[in-house]
C-alpha atoms as a PDB file:
ATOM      1  CA  UNK A   1       8.826 -54.888  12.571  1.00  0.00           C
ATOM      2  CA  UNK A   2       8.115 -50.965  12.917  1.00  0.00           C
ATOM      3  CA  UNK A   3      10.510 -49.763  15.559  1.00  0.00           C
ATOM      4  CA  UNK A   4       9.121 -46.247  17.073  1.00  0.00           C
ATOM      5  CA  UNK A   5      10.793 -43.247  18.790  1.00  0.00           C
ATOM      6  CA  UNK A   6      10.303 -45.287  22.147  1.00  0.00           C
ATOM      7  CA  UNK A   7      11.913 -48.496  21.023  1.00  0.00           C
ATOM      8  CA  UNK A   8      15.187 -46.288  19.780  1.00  0.00           C
ATOM      9  CA  UNK A   9      15.408 -44.774  23.365  1.00  0.00           C
ATOM     10  CA  UNK A  10      15.192 -48.053  24.666  1.00  0.00           C
ATOM     11  CA  UNK A  11      17.853 -49.580  22.344  1.00  0.00           C
ATOM     12  CA  UNK A  12      20.084 -46.524  22.951  1.00  0.00           C
ATOM     13  CA  UNK A  13      19.536 -46.566  26.672  1.00  0.00           C
ATOM     14  CA  UNK A  14      20.425 -50.943  26.478  1.00  0.00           C
ATOM     15  CA  UNK A  15      23.714 -50.204  24.274  1.00  0.00           C
ATOM     16  CA  UNK A  16      25.225 -47.225  26.516  1.00  0.00           C
ATOM     17  CA  UNK A  17      24.301 -48.507  30.004  1.00  0.00           C
ATOM     18  CA  UNK A  18      24.111 -52.567  29.210  1.00  0.00           C
ATOM     19  CA  UNK A  19      24.401 -53.319  33.162  1.00  0.00           C
ATOM     20  CA  UNK A  20      21.434 -51.255  34.361  1.00  0.00           C
ATOM     21  CA  UNK A  21      18.041 -52.967  36.084  1.00  0.00           C
ATOM     22  CA  UNK A  22      14.620 -52.549  34.010  1.00  0.00           C
ATOM     23  CA  UNK A  23      13.469 -50.323  37.047  1.00  0.00           C
ATOM     24  CA  UNK A  24      16.666 -47.732  36.569  1.00  0.00           C
ATOM     25  CA  UNK A  25      15.795 -48.135  32.611  1.00  0.00           C
ATOM     26  CA  UNK A  26      12.056 -47.210  33.504  1.00  0.00           C
ATOM     27  CA  UNK A  27      13.201 -44.125  35.640  1.00  0.00           C
ATOM     28  CA  UNK A  28      15.579 -42.873  32.901  1.00  0.00           C
ATOM     29  CA  UNK A  29      12.980 -43.024  30.409  1.00  0.00           C
ATOM     30  CA  UNK A  30      10.269 -41.819  32.633  1.00  0.00           C
ATOM     31  CA  UNK A  31       7.872 -44.777  31.738  1.00  0.00           C
ATOM     32  CA  UNK A  32       6.169 -47.554  33.389  1.00  0.00           C
ATOM     33  CA  UNK A  33       8.513 -50.538  34.464  1.00  0.00           C
ATOM     34  CA  UNK A  34       5.669 -52.684  32.792  1.00  0.00           C
ATOM     35  CA  UNK A  35       5.609 -50.577  29.537  1.00  0.00           C
ATOM     36  CA  UNK A  36       9.402 -50.952  29.407  1.00  0.00           C
ATOM     37  CA  UNK A  37       8.979 -54.933  30.135  1.00  0.00           C
ATOM     38  CA  UNK A  38       6.438 -55.320  27.356  1.00  0.00           C
ATOM     39  CA  UNK A  39       8.699 -53.026  25.096  1.00  0.00           C
ATOM     40  CA  UNK A  40      11.841 -55.612  25.868  1.00  0.00           C
ATOM     41  CA  UNK A  41       9.957 -58.594  25.511  1.00  0.00           C
ATOM     42  CA  UNK A  42       8.406 -57.608  22.009  1.00  0.00           C
ATOM     43  CA  UNK A  43      11.821 -56.357  20.741  1.00  0.00           C
ATOM     44  CA  UNK A  44      13.404 -59.572  21.858  1.00  0.00           C
ATOM     45  CA  UNK A  45      10.534 -61.666  20.430  1.00  0.00           C
ATOM     46  CA  UNK A  46      10.697 -59.999  17.614  1.00  0.00           C
ATOM     47  CA  UNK A  47      14.722 -60.772  17.068  1.00  0.00           C
ATOM     48  CA  UNK A  48      16.083 -56.508  17.337  1.00  0.00           C
ATOM     49  CA  UNK A  49      16.980 -57.744  20.906  1.00  0.00           C
ATOM     50  CA  UNK A  50      19.076 -61.076  20.200  1.00  0.00           C
ATOM     51  CA  UNK A  51      21.426 -60.935  23.424  1.00  0.00           C
ATOM     52  CA  UNK A  52      22.137 -59.678  26.472  1.00  0.00           C
ATOM     53  CA  UNK A  53      25.168 -61.438  28.037  1.00  0.00           C
ATOM     54  CA  UNK A  54      28.524 -59.986  28.394  1.00  0.00           C
ATOM     55  CA  UNK A  55      30.651 -59.040  25.389  1.00  0.00           C
ATOM     56  CA  UNK A  56      34.008 -61.144  25.739  1.00  0.00           C
ATOM     57  CA  UNK A  57      37.219 -60.022  24.116  1.00  0.00           C
ATOM     58  CA  UNK A  58      39.133 -62.875  22.348  1.00  0.00           C
ATOM     59  CA  UNK A  59      42.316 -60.918  22.995  1.00  0.00           C
ATOM     60  CA  UNK A  60      42.123 -60.701  26.564  1.00  0.00           C
ATOM     61  CA  UNK A  61      41.302 -64.751  26.345  1.00  0.00           C
ATOM     62  CA  UNK A  62      44.441 -65.178  25.069  1.00  0.00           C
ATOM     63  CA  UNK A  63      43.540 -64.866  21.416  1.00  0.00           C
ATOM     64  CA  UNK A  64      44.725 -61.702  20.009  1.00  0.00           C
ATOM     65  CA  UNK A  65      45.216 -62.743  16.067  1.00  0.00           C
ATOM     66  CA  UNK A  66      42.413 -62.071  14.253  1.00  0.00           C
ATOM     67  CA  UNK A  67      42.100 -63.586  10.985  1.00  0.00           C
ATOM     68  CA  UNK A  68      39.221 -63.667   8.421  1.00  0.00           C
ATOM     69  CA  UNK A  69      39.300 -66.709   6.420  1.00  0.00           C
ATOM     70  CA  UNK A  70      37.357 -67.517   2.951  1.00  0.00           C
ATOM     71  CA  UNK A  71      36.688 -70.967   2.374  1.00  0.00           C
ATOM     72  CA  UNK A  72      35.887 -72.533  -0.501  1.00  0.00           C
ATOM     73  CA  UNK A  73      33.448 -75.714  -0.705  1.00  0.00           C
ATOM     74  CA  UNK A  74      32.771 -78.668  -3.344  1.00  0.00           C
ATOM     75  CA  UNK A  75      29.327 -77.898  -4.639  1.00  0.00           C
ATOM     76  CA  UNK A  76      26.635 -79.755  -2.490  1.00  0.00           C
ATOM     77  CA  UNK A  77      28.892 -79.548   0.876  1.00  0.00           C
ATOM     78  CA  UNK A  78      28.121 -76.068   2.062  1.00  0.00           C
ATOM     79  CA  UNK A  79      25.713 -77.629   4.981  1.00  0.00           C
ATOM     80  CA  UNK A  80      28.086 -80.096   5.781  1.00  0.00           C
ATOM     81  CA  UNK A  81      31.187 -78.161   6.048  1.00  0.00           C
ATOM     82  CA  UNK A  82      29.438 -75.327   8.253  1.00  0.00           C
ATOM     83  CA  UNK A  83      28.362 -78.244  10.476  1.00  0.00           C
ATOM     84  CA  UNK A  84      32.297 -78.811  11.042  1.00  0.00           C
ATOM     85  CA  UNK A  85      33.100 -75.262  11.300  1.00  0.00           C
ATOM     86  CA  UNK A  86      30.812 -75.071  14.279  1.00  0.00           C
ATOM     87  CA  UNK A  87      32.931 -77.687  16.167  1.00  0.00           C
ATOM     88  CA  UNK A  88      36.167 -75.559  15.738  1.00  0.00           C
ATOM     89  CA  UNK A  89      36.653 -73.319  18.953  1.00  0.00           C
ATOM     90  CA  UNK A  90      38.743 -70.877  17.046  1.00  0.00           C
ATOM     91  CA  UNK A  91      36.066 -69.958  14.913  1.00  0.00           C
ATOM     92  CA  UNK A  92      33.454 -66.977  16.438  1.00  0.00           C
ATOM     93  CA  UNK A  93      31.249 -66.367  13.213  1.00  0.00           C
ATOM     94  CA  UNK A  94      30.900 -68.053   9.821  1.00  0.00           C
ATOM     95  CA  UNK A  95      28.473 -66.680   7.230  1.00  0.00           C
ATOM     96  CA  UNK A  96      27.830 -68.196   3.790  1.00  0.00           C
ATOM     97  CA  UNK A  97      28.392 -65.492   1.403  1.00  0.00           C
ATOM     98  CA  UNK A  98      28.485 -63.957  -2.407  1.00  0.00           C
ATOM     99  CA  UNK A  99      31.864 -63.477  -4.539  1.00  0.00           C
ATOM    100  CA  UNK A 100      35.178 -65.210  -3.958  1.00  0.00           C
ATOM    101  CA  UNK A 101      34.598 -68.206  -1.854  1.00  0.00           C
ATOM    102  CA  UNK A 102      31.369 -69.609  -0.319  1.00  0.00           C
ATOM    103  CA  UNK A 103      32.091 -68.862   3.065  1.00  0.00           C
ATOM    104  CA  UNK A 104      33.646 -66.227   5.130  1.00  0.00           C
ATOM    105  CA  UNK A 105      34.781 -66.849   8.926  1.00  0.00           C
ATOM    106  CA  UNK A 106      36.020 -64.977  11.740  1.00  0.00           C
ATOM    107  CA  UNK A 107      39.017 -66.527  13.309  1.00  0.00           C
ATOM    108  CA  UNK A 108      41.111 -65.725  16.477  1.00  0.00           C
ATOM    109  CA  UNK A 109      44.293 -67.233  17.743  1.00  0.00           C
ATOM    110  CA  UNK A 110      46.978 -67.243  20.231  1.00  0.00           C
ATOM    111  CA  UNK A 111      49.474 -66.380  17.637  1.00  0.00           C
ATOM    112  CA  UNK A 112      50.573 -67.010  14.105  1.00  0.00           C
ATOM    113  CA  UNK A 113      51.784 -70.469  14.556  1.00  0.00           C
ATOM    114  CA  UNK A 114      48.265 -71.342  16.276  1.00  0.00           C
ATOM    115  CA  UNK A 115      46.136 -69.942  13.198  1.00  0.00           C
ATOM    116  CA  UNK A 116      48.470 -71.965  10.824  1.00  0.00           C
ATOM    117  CA  UNK A 117      47.226 -74.898  12.572  1.00  0.00           C
ATOM    118  CA  UNK A 118      43.760 -73.853  12.920  1.00  0.00           C
ATOM    119  CA  UNK A 119      44.149 -73.082   8.772  1.00  0.00           C
ATOM    120  CA  UNK A 120      45.580 -76.563   8.362  1.00  0.00           C
ATOM    121  CA  UNK A 121      42.698 -78.063  10.279  1.00  0.00           C
ATOM    122  CA  UNK A 122      39.999 -76.129   8.277  1.00  0.00           C
ATOM    123  CA  UNK A 123      41.893 -77.025   4.474  1.00  0.00           C
ATOM    124  CA  UNK A 124      41.802 -80.851   6.043  1.00  0.00           C
ATOM    125  CA  UNK A 125      37.733 -80.645   6.312  1.00  0.00           C
ATOM    126  CA  UNK A 126      36.055 -83.158   3.675  1.00  0.00           C
ATOM    127  CA  UNK A 127      34.213 -80.747   1.135  1.00  0.00           C
ATOM    128  CA  UNK A 128      36.949 -77.844   1.379  1.00  0.00           C
ATOM    129  CA  UNK A 129      38.683 -76.844  -1.873  1.00  0.00           C
ATOM    130  CA  UNK A 130      40.839 -73.864  -0.637  1.00  0.00           C
ATOM    131  CA  UNK A 131      41.097 -71.336   1.749  1.00  0.00           C
ATOM    132  CA  UNK A 132      42.270 -67.427   1.666  1.00  0.00           C
ATOM    133  CA  UNK A 133      43.469 -65.678   4.910  1.00  0.00           C
ATOM    134  CA  UNK A 134      43.440 -62.244   6.001  1.00  0.00           C
ATOM    135  CA  UNK A 135      44.992 -61.262   9.102  1.00  0.00           C
ATOM    136  CA  UNK A 136      43.723 -58.276  11.026  1.00  0.00           C
ATOM    137  CA  UNK A 137      46.123 -55.941  11.878  1.00  0.00           C
ATOM    138  CA  UNK A 138      44.278 -53.062  13.538  1.00  0.00           C
ATOM    139  CA  UNK A 139      40.470 -52.694  14.308  1.00  0.00           C
ATOM    140  CA  UNK A 140      39.464 -49.337  13.077  1.00  0.00           C
ATOM    141  CA  UNK A 141      36.070 -49.108  13.730  1.00  0.00           C
ATOM    142  CA  UNK A 142      34.486 -51.586  16.618  1.00  0.00           C
ATOM    143  CA  UNK A 143      31.249 -53.451  16.282  1.00  0.00           C
ATOM    144  CA  UNK A 144      28.676 -50.855  17.604  1.00  0.00           C
ATOM    145  CA  UNK A 145      25.117 -50.672  16.432  1.00  0.00           C
ATOM    146  CA  UNK A 146      24.738 -47.190  18.292  1.00  0.00           C
ATOM    147  CA  UNK A 147      24.756 -44.990  15.422  1.00  0.00           C
ATOM    148  CA  UNK A 148      22.538 -47.171  13.303  1.00  0.00           C
ATOM    149  CA  UNK A 149      20.050 -46.849  16.076  1.00  0.00           C
ATOM    150  CA  UNK A 150      20.426 -43.283  16.257  1.00  0.00           C
ATOM    151  CA  UNK A 151      19.704 -43.376  12.398  1.00  0.00           C
ATOM    152  CA  UNK A 152      16.649 -45.183  12.832  1.00  0.00           C
ATOM    153  CA  UNK A 153      15.559 -43.313  15.647  1.00  0.00           C
ATOM    154  CA  UNK A 154      15.959 -40.032  13.450  1.00  0.00           C
ATOM    155  CA  UNK A 155      13.598 -41.565  10.764  1.00  0.00           C
ATOM    156  CA  UNK A 156      11.196 -42.685  13.421  1.00  0.00           C
ATOM    157  CA  UNK A 157      10.517 -38.872  14.536  1.00  0.00           C
ATOM    158  CA  UNK A 158      13.077 -38.602  17.289  1.00  0.00           C
ATOM    159  CA  UNK A 159      15.229 -35.792  18.296  1.00  0.00           C
ATOM    160  CA  UNK A 160      17.563 -35.509  15.418  1.00  0.00           C
ATOM    161  CA  UNK A 161      14.454 -35.596  12.860  1.00  0.00           C
ATOM    162  CA  UNK A 162      13.240 -32.323  14.774  1.00  0.00           C
ATOM    163  CA  UNK A 163      10.759 -34.684  17.448  1.00  0.00           C
ATOM    164  CA  UNK A 164      10.454 -33.955  20.656  1.00  0.00           C
ATOM    165  CA  UNK A 165      13.887 -34.591  22.721  1.00  0.00           C
ATOM    166  CA  UNK A 166      12.967 -36.965  25.668  1.00  0.00           C
ATOM    167  CA  UNK A 167      15.711 -38.247  28.247  1.00  0.00           C
END
């Protein structure tokens, strides 16, 4: 799917002002509301925009400990273990990976003792051979997509690529 300069302007605005109305976005961008809505619909349909809900803080929800748990799985049991991981509320993300281990999970916990309980529960899952845990000390670069959108906009002929600057 090609993302053009207008799409990148829309995406930047959504990232910068996520709680603004479609009408206000259209006004700021200087485009018709129908044009904006058609673009938003296409970006959602093409999987560029994947959600519109609020970003929540596990720490503010009482789970300030963040760990990355690598899970090695018995051959042929990846799907079963993946399904079982979905039932563990403290696992906020899980990915199949290459390299050391088969799965990488992002786990949140109330404290280190709670983290240990979660890890012990993971180890007891059928098909799990072993785990390796790394505790995050401090977030150095928060999850962000604005720089990526900026670089795509630059490549699409936006202001950073010498194209016309628009607000």
